[in-house]
């Protein structure tokens, strides 16, 4: 059984480390983010380090062992920010000027 994911979200391109906590994790044979397999290392009976594969939206993280598959916890993929504007488009080489960026996904 798994109880927490830390962090519970990450970039859509994947690649970030997620600590999966719970009980009975020592015999883990697979970690999946939805249908995608993750690279993982069992740290202890209560902890697994996994690398999130790429994905979109929300998915369920599950751990499989010889005794079955765990409950699922929600992991959210956060899309990369998209830059659509930059004002002013130029400035002094010494820097120091204020620039306003516009787009989506900055939070």
PDB file of N, CA and C in Angstrom:
ATOM      1  N   UNK A   1       0.831  -1.176   0.000  1.00  0.00           N
ATOM      2  CA  UNK A   1       0.000   0.000   0.000  1.00  0.00           C
ATOM      3  C   UNK A   1       0.876   1.239   0.000  1.00  0.00           C
ATOM      4  N   UNK A   2       0.540   2.212  -0.875  1.00  0.00           N
ATOM      5  CA  UNK A   2       1.300   3.458  -0.884  1.00  0.00           C
ATOM      6  C   UNK A   2       0.466   4.565  -0.252  1.00  0.00           C
ATOM      7  N   UNK A   3       1.163   5.494   0.429  1.00  0.00           N
ATOM      8  CA  UNK A   3       0.453   6.543   1.167  1.00  0.00           C
ATOM      9  C   UNK A   3       0.755   7.949   0.679  1.00  0.00           C
ATOM     10  N   UNK A   4       1.971   8.193   0.142  1.00  0.00           N
ATOM     11  CA  UNK A   4       2.299   9.533  -0.347  1.00  0.00           C
ATOM     12  C   UNK A   4       3.223   9.480  -1.552  1.00  0.00           C
ATOM     13  N   UNK A   5       3.133  10.539  -2.360  1.00  0.00           N
ATOM     14  CA  UNK A   5       4.064  10.798  -3.456  1.00  0.00           C
ATOM     15  C   UNK A   5       4.676  12.161  -3.176  1.00  0.00           C
ATOM     16  N   UNK A   6       5.991  12.263  -3.264  1.00  0.00           N
ATOM     17  CA  UNK A   6       6.642  13.546  -3.027  1.00  0.00           C
ATOM     18  C   UNK A   6       7.720  13.795  -4.067  1.00  0.00           C
ATOM     19  N   UNK A   7       7.500  14.734  -4.993  1.00  0.00           N
ATOM     20  CA  UNK A   7       6.318  15.567  -5.158  1.00  0.00           C
ATOM     21  C   UNK A   7       5.203  14.799  -5.862  1.00  0.00           C
ATOM     22  N   UNK A   8       3.997  15.334  -5.815  1.00  0.00           N
ATOM     23  CA  UNK A   8       2.839  14.710  -6.457  1.00  0.00           C
ATOM     24  C   UNK A   8       2.556  15.317  -7.823  1.00  0.00           C
ATOM     25  N   UNK A   9       3.507  16.109  -8.315  1.00  0.00           N
ATOM     26  CA  UNK A   9       3.384  16.678  -9.650  1.00  0.00           C
ATOM     27  C   UNK A   9       4.773  16.928 -10.209  1.00  0.00           C
ATOM     28  N   UNK A  10       4.834  17.065 -11.541  1.00  0.00           N
ATOM     29  CA  UNK A  10       6.117  17.316 -12.176  1.00  0.00           C
ATOM     30  C   UNK A  10       5.929  17.644 -13.636  1.00  0.00           C
ATOM     31  N   UNK A  11       7.035  17.920 -14.325  1.00  0.00           N
ATOM     32  CA  UNK A  11       6.957  18.344 -15.718  1.00  0.00           C
ATOM     33  C   UNK A  11       6.439  17.242 -16.647  1.00  0.00           C
ATOM     34  N   UNK A  12       5.733  17.661 -17.697  1.00  0.00           N
ATOM     35  CA  UNK A  12       5.177  16.718 -18.668  1.00  0.00           C
ATOM     36  C   UNK A  12       6.271  15.913 -19.369  1.00  0.00           C
ATOM     37  N   UNK A  13       7.477  16.448 -19.450  1.00  0.00           N
ATOM     38  CA  UNK A  13       8.583  15.725 -20.094  1.00  0.00           C
ATOM     39  C   UNK A  13       9.123  14.606 -19.219  1.00  0.00           C
ATOM     40  N   UNK A  14       8.652  14.551 -17.947  1.00  0.00           N
ATOM     41  CA  UNK A  14       9.132  13.514 -17.035  1.00  0.00           C
ATOM     42  C   UNK A  14      10.540  13.814 -16.558  1.00  0.00           C
ATOM     43  N   UNK A  15      11.169  12.802 -15.965  1.00  0.00           N
ATOM     44  CA  UNK A  15      12.560  12.912 -15.550  1.00  0.00           C
ATOM     45  C   UNK A  15      12.792  13.344 -14.119  1.00  0.00           C
ATOM     46  N   UNK A  16      11.738  13.725 -13.405  1.00  0.00           N
ATOM     47  CA  UNK A  16      11.981  14.146 -12.023  1.00  0.00           C
ATOM     48  C   UNK A  16      11.840  12.966 -11.064  1.00  0.00           C
ATOM     49  N   UNK A  17      12.547  13.080  -9.957  1.00  0.00           N
ATOM     50  CA  UNK A  17      12.522  12.022  -8.944  1.00  0.00           C
ATOM     51  C   UNK A  17      11.286  12.159  -8.068  1.00  0.00           C
ATOM     52  N   UNK A  18      10.601  11.042  -7.848  1.00  0.00           N
ATOM     53  CA  UNK A  18       9.419  11.004  -6.994  1.00  0.00           C
ATOM     54  C   UNK A  18       9.666   9.967  -5.903  1.00  0.00           C
ATOM     55  N   UNK A  19       9.490  10.374  -4.658  1.00  0.00           N
ATOM     56  CA  UNK A  19       9.620   9.445  -3.539  1.00  0.00           C
ATOM     57  C   UNK A  19       8.227   8.887  -3.245  1.00  0.00           C
ATOM     58  N   UNK A  20       8.111   7.567  -3.331  1.00  0.00           N
ATOM     59  CA  UNK A  20       6.855   6.879  -3.046  1.00  0.00           C
ATOM     60  C   UNK A  20       6.997   6.267  -1.660  1.00  0.00           C
ATOM     61  N   UNK A  21       6.085   6.641  -0.755  1.00  0.00           N
ATOM     62  CA  UNK A  21       6.125   6.119   0.611  1.00  0.00           C
ATOM     63  C   UNK A  21       4.922   5.232   0.861  1.00  0.00           C
ATOM     64  N   UNK A  22       5.104   4.242   1.717  1.00  0.00           N
ATOM     65  CA  UNK A  22       4.024   3.328   2.056  1.00  0.00           C
ATOM     66  C   UNK A  22       4.528   2.196   2.920  1.00  0.00           C
ATOM     67  N   UNK A  23       3.874   1.041   2.812  1.00  0.00           N
ATOM     68  CA  UNK A  23       4.288  -0.145   3.553  1.00  0.00           C
ATOM     69  C   UNK A  23       4.329  -1.335   2.599  1.00  0.00           C
ATOM     70  N   UNK A  24       5.207  -2.272   2.884  1.00  0.00           N
ATOM     71  CA  UNK A  24       5.310  -3.481   2.074  1.00  0.00           C
ATOM     72  C   UNK A  24       5.884  -3.260   0.696  1.00  0.00           C
ATOM     73  N   UNK A  25       6.802  -2.295   0.564  1.00  0.00           N
ATOM     74  CA  UNK A  25       7.351  -1.956  -0.750  1.00  0.00           C
ATOM     75  C   UNK A  25       8.639  -2.707  -1.096  1.00  0.00           C
ATOM     76  N   UNK A  26       9.178  -3.441  -0.150  1.00  0.00           N
ATOM     77  CA  UNK A  26      10.479  -4.095  -0.328  1.00  0.00           C
ATOM     78  C   UNK A  26      10.531  -5.037  -1.522  1.00  0.00           C
ATOM     79  N   UNK A  27       9.470  -5.742  -1.828  1.00  0.00           N
ATOM     80  CA  UNK A  27       9.488  -6.701  -2.932  1.00  0.00           C
ATOM     81  C   UNK A  27       8.955  -6.149  -4.246  1.00  0.00           C
ATOM     82  N   UNK A  28       8.952  -4.830  -4.407  1.00  0.00           N
ATOM     83  CA  UNK A  28       8.386  -4.221  -5.620  1.00  0.00           C
ATOM     84  C   UNK A  28       9.026  -4.777  -6.885  1.00  0.00           C
ATOM     85  N   UNK A  29       8.174  -5.094  -7.865  1.00  0.00           N
ATOM     86  CA  UNK A  29       8.642  -5.601  -9.155  1.00  0.00           C
ATOM     87  C   UNK A  29       8.355  -4.627 -10.293  1.00  0.00           C
ATOM     88  N   UNK A  30       7.535  -3.612 -10.036  1.00  0.00           N
ATOM     89  CA  UNK A  30       7.234  -2.597 -11.055  1.00  0.00           C
ATOM     90  C   UNK A  30       6.639  -1.365 -10.400  1.00  0.00           C
ATOM     91  N   UNK A  31       6.907  -0.219 -11.015  1.00  0.00           N
ATOM     92  CA  UNK A  31       6.269   1.045 -10.649  1.00  0.00           C
ATOM     93  C   UNK A  31       5.728   1.621 -11.942  1.00  0.00           C
ATOM     94  N   UNK A  32       4.451   1.989 -11.936  1.00  0.00           N
ATOM     95  CA  UNK A  32       3.814   2.528 -13.137  1.00  0.00           C
ATOM     96  C   UNK A  32       3.146   3.862 -12.843  1.00  0.00           C
ATOM     97  N   UNK A  33       3.322   4.775 -13.776  1.00  0.00           N
ATOM     98  CA  UNK A  33       2.605   6.043 -13.804  1.00  0.00           C
ATOM     99  C   UNK A  33       1.581   5.871 -14.913  1.00  0.00           C
ATOM    100  N   UNK A  34       0.355   5.524 -14.533  1.00  0.00           N
ATOM    101  CA  UNK A  34      -0.643   5.151 -15.535  1.00  0.00           C
ATOM    102  C   UNK A  34      -0.200   3.852 -16.181  1.00  0.00           C
ATOM    103  N   UNK A  35      -0.076   3.840 -17.501  1.00  0.00           N
ATOM    104  CA  UNK A  35       0.376   2.643 -18.217  1.00  0.00           C
ATOM    105  C   UNK A  35       1.876   2.656 -18.482  1.00  0.00           C
ATOM    106  N   UNK A  36       2.551   3.749 -18.088  1.00  0.00           N
ATOM    107  CA  UNK A  36       3.984   3.888 -18.360  1.00  0.00           C
ATOM    108  C   UNK A  36       4.833   3.372 -17.209  1.00  0.00           C
ATOM    109  N   UNK A  37       5.789   2.523 -17.530  1.00  0.00           N
ATOM    110  CA  UNK A  37       6.726   2.006 -16.530  1.00  0.00           C
ATOM    111  C   UNK A  37       7.718   3.081 -16.130  1.00  0.00           C
ATOM    112  N   UNK A  38       8.094   3.073 -14.865  1.00  0.00           N
ATOM    113  CA  UNK A  38       9.080   4.014 -14.355  1.00  0.00           C
ATOM    114  C   UNK A  38      10.360   3.281 -13.979  1.00  0.00           C
ATOM    115  N   UNK A  39      11.462   3.966 -14.086  1.00  0.00           N
ATOM    116  CA  UNK A  39      12.725   3.479 -13.530  1.00  0.00           C
ATOM    117  C   UNK A  39      12.636   3.742 -12.028  1.00  0.00           C
ATOM    118  N   UNK A  40      13.012   2.763 -11.217  1.00  0.00           N
ATOM    119  CA  UNK A  40      12.856   2.928  -9.771  1.00  0.00           C
ATOM    120  C   UNK A  40      13.920   2.160  -9.014  1.00  0.00           C
ATOM    121  N   UNK A  41      14.068   2.541  -7.746  1.00  0.00           N
ATOM    122  CA  UNK A  41      14.942   1.825  -6.816  1.00  0.00           C
ATOM    123  C   UNK A  41      14.216   1.703  -5.489  1.00  0.00           C
ATOM    124  N   UNK A  42      14.162   0.489  -4.963  1.00  0.00           N
ATOM    125  CA  UNK A  42      13.561   0.266  -3.647  1.00  0.00           C
ATOM    126  C   UNK A  42      14.585   0.698  -2.612  1.00  0.00           C
ATOM    127  N   UNK A  43      14.216   1.656  -1.784  1.00  0.00           N
ATOM    128  CA  UNK A  43      15.109   2.175  -0.754  1.00  0.00           C
ATOM    129  C   UNK A  43      14.939   1.376   0.538  1.00  0.00           C
ATOM    130  N   UNK A  44      13.677   1.079   0.874  1.00  0.00           N
ATOM    131  CA  UNK A  44      13.377   0.329   2.094  1.00  0.00           C
ATOM    132  C   UNK A  44      11.975  -0.249   1.958  1.00  0.00           C
ATOM    133  N   UNK A  45      11.516  -0.914   2.989  1.00  0.00           N
ATOM    134  CA  UNK A  45      10.169  -1.466   2.986  1.00  0.00           C
ATOM    135  C   UNK A  45       9.098  -0.371   2.896  1.00  0.00           C
ATOM    136  N   UNK A  46       9.496   0.884   3.199  1.00  0.00           N
ATOM    137  CA  UNK A  46       8.532   1.981   3.209  1.00  0.00           C
ATOM    138  C   UNK A  46       8.838   3.090   2.200  1.00  0.00           C
ATOM    139  N   UNK A  47       9.826   2.873   1.321  1.00  0.00           N
ATOM    140  CA  UNK A  47      10.206   3.952   0.407  1.00  0.00           C
ATOM    141  C   UNK A  47      10.774   3.432  -0.912  1.00  0.00           C
ATOM    142  N   UNK A  48      10.315   4.056  -1.997  1.00  0.00           N
ATOM    143  CA  UNK A  48      10.836   3.788  -3.345  1.00  0.00           C
ATOM    144  C   UNK A  48      11.174   5.124  -3.981  1.00  0.00           C
ATOM    145  N   UNK A  49      12.302   5.186  -4.687  1.00  0.00           N
ATOM    146  CA  UNK A  49      12.670   6.346  -5.490  1.00  0.00           C
ATOM    147  C   UNK A  49      12.367   6.010  -6.941  1.00  0.00           C
ATOM    148  N   UNK A  50      11.502   6.791  -7.579  1.00  0.00           N
ATOM    149  CA  UNK A  50      11.141   6.532  -8.969  1.00  0.00           C
ATOM    150  C   UNK A  50      11.418   7.769  -9.816  1.00  0.00           C
ATOM    151  N   UNK A  51      11.698   7.540 -11.100  1.00  0.00           N
ATOM    152  CA  UNK A  51      11.849   8.636 -12.055  1.00  0.00           C
ATOM    153  C   UNK A  51      10.572   8.661 -12.889  1.00  0.00           C
ATOM    154  N   UNK A  52       9.861   9.773 -12.823  1.00  0.00           N
ATOM    155  CA  UNK A  52       8.590   9.886 -13.549  1.00  0.00           C
ATOM    156  C   UNK A  52       8.833   9.838 -15.052  1.00  0.00           C
ATOM    157  N   UNK A  53       8.106   8.982 -15.759  1.00  0.00           N
ATOM    158  CA  UNK A  53       8.195   8.978 -17.219  1.00  0.00           C
ATOM    159  C   UNK A  53       7.400  10.165 -17.765  1.00  0.00           C
ATOM    160  N   UNK A  54       7.545  10.497 -19.053  1.00  0.00           N
ATOM    161  CA  UNK A  54       6.740  11.576 -19.630  1.00  0.00           C
ATOM    162  C   UNK A  54       5.250  11.249 -19.558  1.00  0.00           C
ATOM    163  N   UNK A  55       4.413  12.290 -19.512  1.00  0.00           N
ATOM    164  CA  UNK A  55       2.974  12.083 -19.476  1.00  0.00           C
ATOM    165  C   UNK A  55       2.206  13.376 -19.612  1.00  0.00           C
ATOM    166  N   UNK A  56       0.881  13.260 -19.561  1.00  0.00           N
ATOM    167  CA  UNK A  56      -0.007  14.407 -19.718  1.00  0.00           C
ATOM    168  C   UNK A  56      -1.136  14.309 -18.699  1.00  0.00           C
ATOM    169  N   UNK A  57      -1.514  15.440 -18.101  1.00  0.00           N
ATOM    170  CA  UNK A  57      -2.655  15.484 -17.197  1.00  0.00           C
ATOM    171  C   UNK A  57      -2.401  14.749 -15.898  1.00  0.00           C
ATOM    172  N   UNK A  58      -3.447  14.088 -15.400  1.00  0.00           N
ATOM    173  CA  UNK A  58      -3.331  13.332 -14.156  1.00  0.00           C
ATOM    174  C   UNK A  58      -3.287  11.844 -14.458  1.00  0.00           C
ATOM    175  N   UNK A  59      -2.521  11.127 -13.635  1.00  0.00           N
ATOM    176  CA  UNK A  59      -2.421   9.688 -13.786  1.00  0.00           C
ATOM    177  C   UNK A  59      -2.316   9.053 -12.408  1.00  0.00           C
ATOM    178  N   UNK A  60      -2.488   7.758 -12.363  1.00  0.00           N
ATOM    179  CA  UNK A  60      -2.422   7.021 -11.110  1.00  0.00           C
ATOM    180  C   UNK A  60      -1.078   6.301 -11.005  1.00  0.00           C
ATOM    181  N   UNK A  61      -0.394   6.479  -9.883  1.00  0.00           N
ATOM    182  CA  UNK A  61       0.878   5.795  -9.628  1.00  0.00           C
ATOM    183  C   UNK A  61       0.579   4.557  -8.801  1.00  0.00           C
ATOM    184  N   UNK A  62       1.096   3.411  -9.253  1.00  0.00           N
ATOM    185  CA  UNK A  62       0.884   2.138  -8.563  1.00  0.00           C
ATOM    186  C   UNK A  62       2.200   1.365  -8.484  1.00  0.00           C
ATOM    187  N   UNK A  63       2.322   0.574  -7.429  1.00  0.00           N
ATOM    188  CA  UNK A  63       3.488  -0.283  -7.228  1.00  0.00           C
ATOM    189  C   UNK A  63       3.005  -1.729  -7.275  1.00  0.00           C
ATOM    190  N   UNK A  64       3.707  -2.549  -8.063  1.00  0.00           N
ATOM    191  CA  UNK A  64       3.373  -3.968  -8.156  1.00  0.00           C
ATOM    192  C   UNK A  64       4.432  -4.784  -7.435  1.00  0.00           C
ATOM    193  N   UNK A  65       3.969  -5.815  -6.729  1.00  0.00           N
ATOM    194  CA  UNK A  65       4.861  -6.742  -6.027  1.00  0.00           C
ATOM    195  C   UNK A  65       4.317  -8.145  -6.245  1.00  0.00           C
ATOM    196  N   UNK A  66       5.025  -9.178  -5.795  1.00  0.00           N
ATOM    197  CA  UNK A  66       4.518 -10.542  -5.960  1.00  0.00           C
ATOM    198  C   UNK A  66       3.156 -10.769  -5.300  1.00  0.00           C
ATOM    199  N   UNK A  67       2.786  -9.941  -4.330  1.00  0.00           N
ATOM    200  CA  UNK A  67       1.500 -10.128  -3.649  1.00  0.00           C
ATOM    201  C   UNK A  67       0.362  -9.326  -4.292  1.00  0.00           C
ATOM    202  N   UNK A  68       0.662  -8.532  -5.325  1.00  0.00           N
ATOM    203  CA  UNK A  68      -0.393  -7.782  -6.002  1.00  0.00           C
ATOM    204  C   UNK A  68       0.020  -6.363  -6.329  1.00  0.00           C
ATOM    205  N   UNK A  69      -0.977  -5.565  -6.699  1.00  0.00           N
ATOM    206  CA  UNK A  69      -0.748  -4.172  -7.084  1.00  0.00           C
ATOM    207  C   UNK A  69      -1.362  -3.260  -6.030  1.00  0.00           C
ATOM    208  N   UNK A  70      -0.631  -2.219  -5.688  1.00  0.00           N
ATOM    209  CA  UNK A  70      -1.052  -1.282  -4.646  1.00  0.00           C
ATOM    210  C   UNK A  70      -2.245  -0.442  -5.086  1.00  0.00           C
ATOM    211  N   UNK A  71      -2.752   0.289  -4.120  1.00  0.00           N
ATOM    212  CA  UNK A  71      -3.709   1.351  -4.412  1.00  0.00           C
ATOM    213  C   UNK A  71      -3.009   2.378  -5.307  1.00  0.00           C
ATOM    214  N   UNK A  72      -3.750   3.240  -5.931  1.00  0.00           N
ATOM    215  CA  UNK A  72      -3.164   4.276  -6.779  1.00  0.00           C
ATOM    216  C   UNK A  72      -3.254   5.642  -6.126  1.00  0.00           C
ATOM    217  N   UNK A  73      -2.217   6.447  -6.334  1.00  0.00           N
ATOM    218  CA  UNK A  73      -2.229   7.837  -5.894  1.00  0.00           C
ATOM    219  C   UNK A  73      -2.080   8.723  -7.127  1.00  0.00           C
ATOM    220  N   UNK A  74      -2.702   9.879  -7.107  1.00  0.00           N
ATOM    221  CA  UNK A  74      -2.706  10.774  -8.263  1.00  0.00           C
ATOM    222  C   UNK A  74      -1.408  11.557  -8.390  1.00  0.00           C
ATOM    223  N   UNK A  75      -0.864  11.534  -9.598  1.00  0.00           N
ATOM    224  CA  UNK A  75       0.309  12.327  -9.969  1.00  0.00           C
ATOM    225  C   UNK A  75      -0.133  13.227 -11.113  1.00  0.00           C
ATOM    226  N   UNK A  76       0.213  14.503 -11.043  1.00  0.00           N
ATOM    227  CA  UNK A  76      -0.209  15.469 -12.050  1.00  0.00           C
ATOM    228  C   UNK A  76       0.987  15.946 -12.868  1.00  0.00           C
ATOM    229  N   UNK A  77       0.873  15.818 -14.185  1.00  0.00           N
ATOM    230  CA  UNK A  77       1.890  16.336 -15.098  1.00  0.00           C
ATOM    231  C   UNK A  77       1.564  17.795 -15.403  1.00  0.00           C
ATOM    232  N   UNK A  78       2.543  18.653 -15.223  1.00  0.00           N
ATOM    233  CA  UNK A  78       2.374  20.083 -15.445  1.00  0.00           C
ATOM    234  C   UNK A  78       3.012  20.441 -16.792  1.00  0.00           C
ATOM    235  N   UNK A  79       2.216  21.026 -17.720  1.00  0.00           N
ATOM    236  CA  UNK A  79       2.779  21.385 -19.011  1.00  0.00           C
ATOM    237  C   UNK A  79       3.822  22.492 -18.869  1.00  0.00           C
ATOM    238  N   UNK A  80       4.748  22.523 -19.797  1.00  0.00           N
ATOM    239  CA  UNK A  80       5.781  23.558 -19.809  1.00  0.00           C
ATOM    240  C   UNK A  80       5.158  24.907 -20.142  1.00  0.00           C
ATOM    241  N   UNK A  81       5.698  25.984 -19.584  1.00  0.00           N
ATOM    242  CA  UNK A  81       5.190  27.310 -19.923  1.00  0.00           C
ATOM    243  C   UNK A  81       5.367  27.596 -21.417  1.00  0.00           C
ATOM    244  N   UNK A  82       4.465  28.428 -21.950  1.00  0.00           N
ATOM    245  CA  UNK A  82       4.540  28.837 -23.355  1.00  0.00           C
ATOM    246  C   UNK A  82       4.674  30.349 -23.385  1.00  0.00           C
ATOM    247  N   UNK A  83       5.756  30.839 -23.948  1.00  0.00           N
ATOM    248  CA  UNK A  83       6.014  32.268 -24.057  1.00  0.00           C
ATOM    249  C   UNK A  83       5.439  32.779 -25.370  1.00  0.00           C
ATOM    250  N   UNK A  84       4.566  33.811 -25.294  1.00  0.00           N
ATOM    251  CA  UNK A  84       3.975  34.362 -26.517  1.00  0.00           C
ATOM    252  C   UNK A  84       4.373  35.806 -26.773  1.00  0.00           C
ATOM    253  N   UNK A  85       4.952  36.466 -25.780  1.00  0.00           N
ATOM    254  CA  UNK A  85       5.348  37.850 -25.991  1.00  0.00           C
ATOM    255  C   UNK A  85       6.418  38.299 -25.032  1.00  0.00           C
ATOM    256  N   UNK A  86       7.133  39.341 -25.465  1.00  0.00           N
ATOM    257  CA  UNK A  86       8.256  39.879 -24.712  1.00  0.00           C
ATOM    258  C   UNK A  86       8.342  41.362 -25.038  1.00  0.00           C
ATOM    259  N   UNK A  87       8.186  42.242 -24.018  1.00  0.00           N
ATOM    260  CA  UNK A  87       8.228  43.683 -24.261  1.00  0.00           C
ATOM    261  C   UNK A  87       9.112  44.325 -23.210  1.00  0.00           C
ATOM    262  N   UNK A  88      10.115  45.095 -23.557  1.00  0.00           N
ATOM    263  CA  UNK A  88      10.571  45.363 -24.920  1.00  0.00           C
ATOM    264  C   UNK A  88      11.364  44.186 -25.477  1.00  0.00           C
ATOM    265  N   UNK A  89      11.496  44.149 -26.761  1.00  0.00           N
ATOM    266  CA  UNK A  89      12.205  43.057 -27.427  1.00  0.00           C
ATOM    267  C   UNK A  89      13.703  43.246 -27.486  1.00  0.00           C
ATOM    268  N   UNK A  90      14.180  44.337 -26.934  1.00  0.00           N
ATOM    269  CA  UNK A  90      15.619  44.595 -26.915  1.00  0.00           C
ATOM    270  C   UNK A  90      15.949  45.468 -25.724  1.00  0.00           C
ATOM    271  N   UNK A  91      17.240  45.594 -25.416  1.00  0.00           N
ATOM    272  CA  UNK A  91      17.647  46.413 -24.280  1.00  0.00           C
ATOM    273  C   UNK A  91      19.146  46.612 -24.292  1.00  0.00           C
ATOM    274  N   UNK A  92      19.640  47.359 -23.327  1.00  0.00           N
ATOM    275  CA  UNK A  92      21.078  47.633 -23.269  1.00  0.00           C
ATOM    276  C   UNK A  92      21.878  46.375 -22.923  1.00  0.00           C
ATOM    277  N   UNK A  93      23.080  46.299 -23.432  1.00  0.00           N
ATOM    278  CA  UNK A  93      23.931  45.149 -23.143  1.00  0.00           C
ATOM    279  C   UNK A  93      24.322  45.084 -21.669  1.00  0.00           C
ATOM    280  N   UNK A  94      24.217  46.198 -20.978  1.00  0.00           N
ATOM    281  CA  UNK A  94      24.544  46.212 -19.549  1.00  0.00           C
ATOM    282  C   UNK A  94      23.428  45.622 -18.693  1.00  0.00           C
ATOM    283  N   UNK A  95      22.246  45.382 -19.321  1.00  0.00           N
ATOM    284  CA  UNK A  95      21.123  44.815 -18.589  1.00  0.00           C
ATOM    285  C   UNK A  95      20.460  45.837 -17.692  1.00  0.00           C
ATOM    286  N   UNK A  96      19.641  45.349 -16.771  1.00  0.00           N
ATOM    287  CA  UNK A  96      19.004  46.220 -15.798  1.00  0.00           C
ATOM    288  C   UNK A  96      17.651  46.759 -16.197  1.00  0.00           C
ATOM    289  N   UNK A  97      17.216  46.523 -17.441  1.00  0.00           N
ATOM    290  CA  UNK A  97      15.895  47.032 -17.823  1.00  0.00           C
ATOM    291  C   UNK A  97      14.823  46.005 -17.485  1.00  0.00           C
ATOM    292  N   UNK A  98      13.603  46.506 -17.270  1.00  0.00           N
ATOM    293  CA  UNK A  98      12.476  45.636 -16.933  1.00  0.00           C
ATOM    294  C   UNK A  98      11.867  45.087 -18.219  1.00  0.00           C
ATOM    295  N   UNK A  99      11.533  43.793 -18.199  1.00  0.00           N
ATOM    296  CA  UNK A  99      10.944  43.116 -19.353  1.00  0.00           C
ATOM    297  C   UNK A  99       9.647  42.453 -18.896  1.00  0.00           C
ATOM    298  N   UNK A 100       8.596  42.565 -19.706  1.00  0.00           N
ATOM    299  CA  UNK A 100       7.326  41.928 -19.399  1.00  0.00           C
ATOM    300  C   UNK A 100       7.159  40.725 -20.321  1.00  0.00           C
ATOM    301  N   UNK A 101       6.947  39.547 -19.712  1.00  0.00           N
ATOM    302  CA  UNK A 101       6.734  38.322 -20.460  1.00  0.00           C
ATOM    303  C   UNK A 101       5.242  37.998 -20.451  1.00  0.00           C
ATOM    304  N   UNK A 102       4.699  37.563 -21.568  1.00  0.00           N
ATOM    305  CA  UNK A 102       3.315  37.131 -21.609  1.00  0.00           C
ATOM    306  C   UNK A 102       3.269  35.701 -22.165  1.00  0.00           C
ATOM    307  N   UNK A 103       2.252  34.975 -21.764  1.00  0.00           N
ATOM    308  CA  UNK A 103       2.103  33.603 -22.217  1.00  0.00           C
ATOM    309  C   UNK A 103       1.230  32.828 -21.251  1.00  0.00           C
ATOM    310  N   UNK A 104       1.416  31.522 -21.216  1.00  0.00           N
ATOM    311  CA  UNK A 104       0.620  30.665 -20.341  1.00  0.00           C
ATOM    312  C   UNK A 104       1.514  29.699 -19.567  1.00  0.00           C
ATOM    313  N   UNK A 105       0.992  29.211 -18.440  1.00  0.00           N
ATOM    314  CA  UNK A 105       1.681  28.189 -17.661  1.00  0.00           C
ATOM    315  C   UNK A 105       2.833  28.683 -16.824  1.00  0.00           C
ATOM    316  N   UNK A 106       2.828  29.956 -16.444  1.00  0.00           N
ATOM    317  CA  UNK A 106       3.926  30.492 -15.648  1.00  0.00           C
ATOM    318  C   UNK A 106       3.824  30.157 -14.164  1.00  0.00           C
ATOM    319  N   UNK A 107       2.668  29.771 -13.675  1.00  0.00           N
ATOM    320  CA  UNK A 107       2.543  29.516 -12.237  1.00  0.00           C
ATOM    321  C   UNK A 107       3.015  28.134 -11.883  1.00  0.00           C
TER     322      UNK A 107
END
